[in-house]
Amino acid sequence: MEKKVKNPLKSILTMVISLAIAGFFLWLALKDFDYISFKKSISKANYWWVLFAACFGIAAYWFRAIRWNLMLEPMGHQISNSNSLWSISFGYLMNLTIPRSGEVARATALYGVEKVPVDQSFGTIILERVVDLVCMLAFLALTLIFKGDVILSFYKSSGIDINPGKIILVLGVLIAGAALFFVFKKRLANVPVLDKIIRFIDGIIEGLTSIFKLRQKGKFILYTIGIWISYYFAAFLVCFALPETSNFTFDDGFLILVVGTFGMIIPASGGIGAFNLAMKYGFMALFISMGKSGQLGGEVGLTYSFISLPLQIIIMLVMGLISIPMLAKARNKVVVEKEFK
């Protein structure tokens, strides 16, 4: 009974905190907001480019769905591409309500239609995040190579203070904790409550190590490249919708993708506020490096964010809402097949 009361309260609290974070960053982004300039700029936008960008946004879903199948294959799970796609779509939809809840929702949805153990699929999702981080760092490296002066400007304007000592301390504690866990793992397994936790962690580890057992490594790399090329064009093509940014170059797109990703990492509902602020600073830095007004760059960045972010949210909503009946249909099929066996 206590569990039923506790979970909704926790979910509501998470949502409230997430909305508060979104509101705070949106307030920061919209300080000194020039509505007249925004209205003039957005009225000139060519939304055919936005529609073109949306095609790449949806393509990323499909590439990710097929790649997920490749990751689950070494564990003996053959799942359909459609169930993989709709489970991913449902997970993204859940992220719009409660940030970071999508990973669990996605694994749970897949279990409902394919009976893949949640711990194993969750392990592959964590692995996905690791692979995404590597790809993100690759784009960051490209940005530093081609737009080093701009990324430095963004770093300074954001006011972020990174303390290397604290990072090393946190990493040290995590490594020490992991080492102690594996040393005392067998003893801890004798405790009934801890045994379930250990088995869940083992499932995650199995999912993480599945990358070393991949039978189709070439396809895995190809689909990973496909995902991030899709992300790149989904972000970059929106620039052509605005007259002020229609002359942006490919290397400008590297910075836009990196800055936007940093904005989406912050646990604000749908990236609202954080993404807008990130784009404001990013475009400000770009315009300054081009010898243009930083204030104008900030205004254009906000205009871009109010086109790009709703586009991402609309894709999540449409794909997510479609996923609900599609997953329900697949679950019913599983139940029927089980009854006739």
Protein backbone atom coordinates (compact mmCIF):
# COMPACT_ATOMS: atom_id res chain seq x y z
CA MET A 1 0.00 0.00 0.00
CA GLU A 2 2.82 2.35 0.89
CA LYS A 3 4.54 1.59 -2.38
CA LYS A 4 1.47 2.69 -4.38
CA VAL A 5 1.40 6.05 -2.58
CA LYS A 6 5.13 6.60 -2.76
CA ASN A 7 5.68 6.11 -6.49
CA PRO A 8 3.09 8.68 -7.69
CA LEU A 9 4.43 11.24 -5.21
CA LYS A 10 7.96 10.62 -6.44
CA SER A 11 6.84 10.99 -10.07
CA ILE A 12 4.95 14.21 -9.31
CA LEU A 13 7.95 15.63 -7.42
CA THR A 14 10.26 14.75 -10.34
CA MET A 15 7.90 16.47 -12.77
CA VAL A 16 7.65 19.58 -10.59
CA ILE A 17 11.45 19.82 -10.26
CA SER A 18 11.85 19.28 -14.00
CA LEU A 19 9.31 22.01 -14.80
CA ALA A 20 11.02 24.33 -12.33
CA ILE A 21 14.38 23.74 -14.03
CA ALA A 22 12.76 24.35 -17.43
CA GLY A 23 11.12 27.55 -16.15
CA PHE A 24 14.38 28.84 -14.68
CA PHE A 25 16.39 28.29 -17.87
CA LEU A 26 13.56 29.69 -20.00
CA TRP A 27 13.58 32.82 -17.84
CA LEU A 28 17.34 33.14 -18.35
CA ALA A 29 16.94 32.65 -22.11
CA LEU A 30 14.12 35.17 -22.47
CA LYS A 31 15.66 37.98 -20.42
CA ASP A 32 15.67 41.12 -22.63
CA PHE A 33 13.73 39.16 -25.26
CA ASP A 34 12.85 41.28 -28.31
CA TYR A 35 9.44 39.98 -29.36
CA ILE A 36 9.18 42.32 -32.37
CA SER A 37 12.47 41.06 -33.86
CA PHE A 38 11.45 37.47 -33.12
CA LYS A 39 8.07 37.91 -34.82
CA LYS A 40 9.71 39.51 -37.87
CA SER A 41 12.35 36.76 -38.12
CA ILE A 42 10.00 33.79 -37.64
CA SER A 43 7.50 35.18 -40.16
CA LYS A 44 10.20 34.94 -42.85
CA ALA A 45 11.02 31.31 -42.06
CA ASN A 46 10.84 28.73 -44.86
CA TYR A 47 9.14 25.75 -43.23
CA TRP A 48 9.88 23.41 -46.12
CA TRP A 49 13.40 23.16 -44.68
CA VAL A 50 11.89 22.34 -41.28
CA LEU A 51 9.85 19.54 -42.85
CA PHE A 52 13.01 18.24 -44.54
CA ALA A 53 14.79 18.29 -41.17
CA ALA A 54 11.88 16.33 -39.64
CA CYS A 55 12.50 13.49 -42.12
CA PHE A 56 16.02 13.08 -40.71
CA GLY A 57 14.67 13.25 -37.14
CA ILE A 58 12.33 10.32 -37.85
CA ALA A 59 15.08 8.43 -39.72
CA ALA A 60 17.16 8.51 -36.52
CA TYR A 61 14.38 6.57 -34.75
CA TRP A 62 14.46 3.86 -37.42
CA PHE A 63 18.26 3.53 -37.41
CA ARG A 64 18.22 3.33 -33.60
CA ALA A 65 15.52 0.63 -33.67
CA ILE A 66 17.48 -1.60 -36.06
CA ARG A 67 20.72 -1.03 -34.12
CA TRP A 68 18.98 -2.04 -30.89
CA ASN A 69 18.05 -5.36 -32.49
CA LEU A 70 21.72 -5.96 -33.30
CA MET A 71 22.61 -5.35 -29.64
CA LEU A 72 19.97 -7.78 -28.33
CA GLU A 73 20.85 -10.53 -30.82
CA PRO A 74 23.96 -11.84 -28.95
CA MET A 75 21.74 -12.51 -25.90
CA GLY A 76 19.49 -14.75 -28.00
CA HIS A 77 16.67 -12.28 -28.64
CA GLN A 78 15.28 -11.91 -32.17
CA ILE A 79 12.83 -9.01 -32.07
CA SER A 80 10.91 -7.30 -34.84
CA ASN A 81 12.05 -3.89 -36.08
CA SER A 82 8.54 -2.48 -35.56
CA ASN A 83 8.37 -3.53 -31.89
CA SER A 84 11.82 -2.07 -31.38
CA LEU A 85 10.77 1.21 -33.05
CA TRP A 86 7.54 1.61 -31.06
CA SER A 87 9.25 0.73 -27.75
CA ILE A 88 11.83 3.45 -28.42
CA SER A 89 9.09 5.91 -29.41
CA PHE A 90 7.16 5.14 -26.21
CA GLY A 91 10.33 5.72 -24.18
CA TYR A 92 10.87 9.15 -25.73
CA LEU A 93 7.23 10.03 -25.04
CA MET A 94 7.71 9.16 -21.36
CA ASN A 95 10.80 11.39 -21.26
CA LEU A 96 8.54 14.33 -22.09
CA THR A 97 6.55 13.71 -18.92
CA ILE A 98 9.24 12.56 -16.47
CA PRO A 99 12.86 13.22 -17.57
CA ARG A 100 15.07 10.11 -17.74
CA SER A 101 12.08 7.81 -17.20
CA GLY A 102 12.06 6.81 -20.87
CA GLU A 103 14.86 4.25 -20.53
CA VAL A 104 12.90 2.12 -18.06
CA ALA A 105 9.63 2.67 -19.97
CA ARG A 106 11.30 1.57 -23.18
CA ALA A 107 12.71 -1.63 -21.65
CA THR A 108 9.36 -2.39 -19.99
CA ALA A 109 7.47 -1.81 -23.26
CA LEU A 110 9.78 -4.20 -25.09
CA TYR A 111 9.23 -6.86 -22.42
CA GLY A 112 5.49 -6.54 -22.96
CA VAL A 113 5.73 -7.35 -26.68
CA GLU A 114 8.89 -9.46 -26.97
CA LYS A 115 9.44 -10.84 -23.43
CA VAL A 116 13.05 -9.60 -23.37
CA PRO A 117 14.10 -9.38 -19.68
CA VAL A 118 14.12 -5.76 -18.56
CA ASP A 119 17.57 -5.97 -16.99
CA GLN A 120 19.15 -7.21 -20.24
CA SER A 121 17.48 -4.65 -22.51
CA PHE A 122 18.20 -1.91 -19.95
CA GLY A 123 21.87 -2.89 -20.10
CA THR A 124 21.89 -2.38 -23.88
CA ILE A 125 20.20 1.02 -23.41
CA ILE A 126 23.00 2.05 -21.05
CA LEU A 127 25.47 0.82 -23.67
CA GLU A 128 23.67 2.98 -26.23
CA ARG A 129 24.26 6.00 -24.02
CA VAL A 130 27.97 5.15 -23.85
CA VAL A 131 28.15 4.83 -27.65
CA ASP A 132 26.20 8.10 -28.02
CA LEU A 133 28.67 9.79 -25.68
CA VAL A 134 31.58 8.61 -27.86
CA CYS A 135 29.81 9.97 -30.98
CA MET A 136 29.08 13.21 -29.16
CA LEU A 137 32.77 13.54 -28.27
CA ALA A 138 33.64 12.93 -31.94
CA PHE A 139 31.41 15.86 -32.96
CA LEU A 140 32.90 17.92 -30.14
CA ALA A 141 36.38 17.13 -31.54
CA LEU A 142 35.23 18.27 -35.01
CA THR A 143 33.86 21.45 -33.47
CA LEU A 144 37.14 22.14 -31.65
CA ILE A 145 39.08 21.56 -34.87
CA PHE A 146 36.93 23.73 -37.13
CA LYS A 147 35.32 26.13 -34.63
CA GLY A 148 37.69 26.19 -31.67
CA ASP A 149 37.36 29.96 -31.17
CA VAL A 150 33.57 29.73 -31.19
CA ILE A 151 33.31 26.85 -28.70
CA LEU A 152 35.68 28.77 -26.40
CA SER A 153 33.41 31.79 -26.64
CA PHE A 154 30.39 29.65 -25.78
CA TYR A 155 32.21 28.11 -22.81
CA LYS A 156 33.06 31.54 -21.40
CA SER A 157 29.59 32.99 -21.96
CA SER A 158 27.85 30.01 -20.33
CA GLY A 159 29.65 30.61 -17.04
CA ILE A 160 30.34 26.88 -16.55
CA ASP A 161 33.12 26.23 -14.06
CA ILE A 162 34.62 22.74 -14.35
CA ASN A 163 36.77 21.65 -11.41
CA PRO A 164 39.14 18.83 -12.52
CA GLY A 165 39.84 17.85 -8.89
CA LYS A 166 36.16 17.16 -8.15
CA ILE A 167 35.76 15.14 -11.35
CA ILE A 168 38.77 12.97 -10.45
CA LEU A 169 37.39 12.48 -6.90
CA VAL A 170 33.95 11.38 -8.15
CA LEU A 171 35.52 9.00 -10.68
CA GLY A 172 37.78 7.58 -7.96
CA VAL A 173 34.81 6.92 -5.63
CA LEU A 174 32.85 5.23 -8.46
CA ILE A 175 35.81 3.01 -9.43
CA ALA A 176 36.46 2.06 -5.78
CA GLY A 177 32.74 1.28 -5.26
CA ALA A 178 32.65 -0.91 -8.38
CA ALA A 179 35.79 -2.75 -7.29
CA LEU A 180 34.37 -3.43 -3.79
CA PHE A 181 31.11 -4.66 -5.34
CA PHE A 182 32.87 -7.29 -7.46
CA VAL A 183 35.15 -8.35 -4.57
CA PHE A 184 32.23 -8.94 -2.16
CA LYS A 185 29.65 -9.89 -4.80
CA LYS A 186 29.33 -13.56 -3.78
CA ARG A 187 28.94 -12.72 -0.08
CA LEU A 188 26.33 -10.04 -0.82
CA ALA A 189 24.37 -12.53 -2.97
CA ASN A 190 23.58 -14.53 0.21
CA VAL A 191 21.39 -11.67 1.44
CA PRO A 192 17.89 -12.19 -0.10
CA VAL A 193 17.20 -8.47 -0.71
CA LEU A 194 20.64 -7.83 -2.23
CA ASP A 195 20.45 -10.96 -4.36
CA LYS A 196 17.74 -9.41 -6.57
CA ILE A 197 19.80 -6.25 -6.96
CA ILE A 198 22.91 -8.25 -7.90
CA ARG A 199 20.99 -10.27 -10.48
CA PHE A 200 19.64 -7.05 -11.96
CA ILE A 201 23.17 -5.60 -12.14
CA ASP A 202 24.39 -8.84 -13.76
CA GLY A 203 21.71 -8.41 -16.41
CA ILE A 204 22.86 -4.85 -17.06
CA ILE A 205 26.48 -6.00 -17.34
CA GLU A 206 25.42 -8.68 -19.81
CA GLY A 207 23.74 -5.99 -21.88
CA LEU A 208 26.81 -3.75 -21.70
CA THR A 209 29.16 -6.51 -22.79
CA SER A 210 26.89 -7.50 -25.67
CA ILE A 211 28.82 -5.10 -27.93
CA PHE A 212 31.83 -7.47 -27.80
CA LYS A 213 29.62 -10.36 -28.95
CA LEU A 214 28.04 -8.58 -31.90
CA ARG A 215 27.94 -10.76 -34.99
CA GLN A 216 27.41 -7.81 -37.31
CA LYS A 217 29.83 -5.15 -36.04
CA GLY A 218 29.96 -3.47 -39.45
CA LYS A 219 26.19 -2.93 -39.46
CA PHE A 220 26.32 -1.67 -35.87
CA ILE A 221 28.87 0.99 -36.85
CA LEU A 222 26.92 1.84 -40.02
CA TYR A 223 23.64 2.37 -38.15
CA THR A 224 25.41 4.38 -35.45
CA ILE A 225 26.81 6.69 -38.14
CA GLY A 226 23.31 6.83 -39.67
CA ILE A 227 21.82 7.94 -36.33
CA TRP A 228 24.27 10.79 -35.85
CA ILE A 229 24.22 11.94 -39.46
CA SER A 230 20.43 12.12 -39.08
CA TYR A 231 20.82 14.14 -35.87
CA TYR A 232 23.25 16.45 -37.63
CA PHE A 233 20.97 17.20 -40.58
CA ALA A 234 17.88 17.45 -38.35
CA ALA A 235 19.69 20.28 -36.52
CA PHE A 236 21.58 21.87 -39.43
CA LEU A 237 18.79 22.01 -42.03
CA VAL A 238 16.65 24.19 -39.76
CA CYS A 239 19.28 26.92 -40.26
CA PHE A 240 18.26 27.20 -43.91
CA ALA A 241 14.72 28.05 -42.80
CA LEU A 242 15.92 31.43 -41.46
CA PRO A 243 17.36 34.18 -43.72
CA GLU A 244 19.91 35.17 -41.04
CA THR A 245 21.44 31.67 -40.92
CA SER A 246 20.86 30.41 -44.47
CA ASN A 247 24.55 30.98 -45.28
CA PHE A 248 25.81 28.82 -42.40
CA THR A 249 28.46 26.25 -43.35
CA PHE A 250 28.78 22.54 -42.52
CA ASP A 251 31.25 23.23 -39.70
CA ASP A 252 28.75 25.64 -38.13
CA GLY A 253 26.41 22.65 -38.01
CA PHE A 254 28.93 20.78 -35.82
CA LEU A 255 28.72 23.48 -33.17
CA ILE A 256 24.92 23.71 -33.36
CA LEU A 257 24.58 19.96 -32.79
CA VAL A 258 27.05 19.93 -29.89
CA VAL A 259 25.59 22.96 -28.12
CA GLY A 260 22.04 21.68 -28.63
CA THR A 261 22.96 18.27 -27.22
CA PHE A 262 24.45 19.91 -24.12
CA GLY A 263 21.18 21.81 -23.71
CA MET A 264 19.12 18.60 -23.99
CA ILE A 265 21.25 16.79 -21.39
CA ILE A 266 19.92 19.06 -18.62
CA PRO A 267 16.90 17.37 -16.93
CA ALA A 268 14.33 19.97 -17.96
CA SER A 269 10.96 18.86 -19.37
CA GLY A 270 11.49 18.28 -23.10
CA GLY A 271 14.70 20.33 -23.00
CA ILE A 272 12.56 23.47 -22.67
CA GLY A 273 14.54 26.46 -21.47
CA ALA A 274 17.91 24.72 -21.36
CA PHE A 275 17.92 24.10 -25.14
CA ASN A 276 16.73 27.67 -25.81
CA LEU A 277 19.46 29.14 -23.60
CA ALA A 278 22.12 26.90 -25.16
CA MET A 279 21.10 28.01 -28.66
CA LYS A 280 21.08 31.66 -27.58
CA TYR A 281 24.69 31.42 -26.37
CA GLY A 282 25.80 29.19 -29.24
CA PHE A 283 24.49 31.51 -31.96
CA MET A 284 25.78 34.52 -30.05
CA ALA A 285 29.27 33.00 -30.15
CA LEU A 286 28.90 32.14 -33.85
CA PHE A 287 27.82 35.67 -34.78
CA ILE A 288 30.66 37.25 -32.77
CA SER A 289 33.20 35.01 -34.54
CA MET A 290 31.76 36.22 -37.87
CA GLY A 291 32.23 39.84 -36.84
CA LYS A 292 28.49 40.36 -36.33
CA SER A 293 26.48 41.55 -33.34
CA GLY A 294 26.38 39.09 -30.45
CA GLN A 295 22.98 40.45 -29.43
CA LEU A 296 21.61 39.73 -32.91
CA GLY A 297 23.11 36.25 -32.70
CA GLY A 298 21.33 35.63 -29.40
CA GLU A 299 17.99 36.73 -30.88
CA VAL A 300 18.47 34.51 -33.96
CA GLY A 301 19.51 31.62 -31.70
CA LEU A 302 16.26 31.95 -29.76
CA THR A 303 14.27 32.06 -33.02
CA TYR A 304 16.09 28.91 -34.18
CA SER A 305 15.38 27.21 -30.83
CA PHE A 306 11.65 28.02 -31.06
CA ILE A 307 11.56 26.20 -34.40
CA SER A 308 13.95 23.32 -33.74
CA LEU A 309 12.77 22.36 -30.23
CA PRO A 310 9.03 22.24 -31.07
CA LEU A 311 9.97 20.14 -34.11
CA GLN A 312 11.71 17.60 -31.85
CA ILE A 313 8.81 17.61 -29.37
CA ILE A 314 6.22 17.16 -32.13
CA ILE A 315 8.14 14.16 -33.51
CA MET A 316 8.32 12.66 -29.99
CA LEU A 317 4.59 13.26 -29.44
CA VAL A 318 3.47 11.90 -32.82
CA MET A 319 5.73 8.84 -32.74
CA GLY A 320 4.97 8.26 -29.05
CA LEU A 321 1.20 8.52 -29.41
CA ILE A 322 1.26 6.16 -32.41
CA SER A 323 3.36 3.73 -30.36
CA ILE A 324 0.63 3.26 -27.71
CA PRO A 325 -1.93 1.48 -29.95
CA MET A 326 0.84 -0.28 -31.88
CA LEU A 327 2.35 -1.73 -28.69
CA ALA A 328 -1.12 -2.63 -27.38
CA LYS A 329 -1.84 -4.51 -30.62
CA ALA A 330 1.49 -6.36 -30.38
CA ARG A 331 0.83 -7.28 -26.71
CA ASN A 332 -2.60 -8.65 -27.58
CA LYS A 333 -1.01 -10.75 -30.31
CA VAL A 334 1.45 -12.20 -27.76
CA VAL A 335 -1.42 -13.05 -25.37
CA VAL A 336 -3.44 -14.75 -28.14
CA GLU A 337 -0.44 -16.79 -29.32
CA LYS A 338 0.25 -17.86 -25.71
CA GLU A 339 -3.34 -19.03 -25.23
CA PHE A 340 -3.26 -21.22 -28.36
CA LYS A 341 0.03 -22.90 -27.42
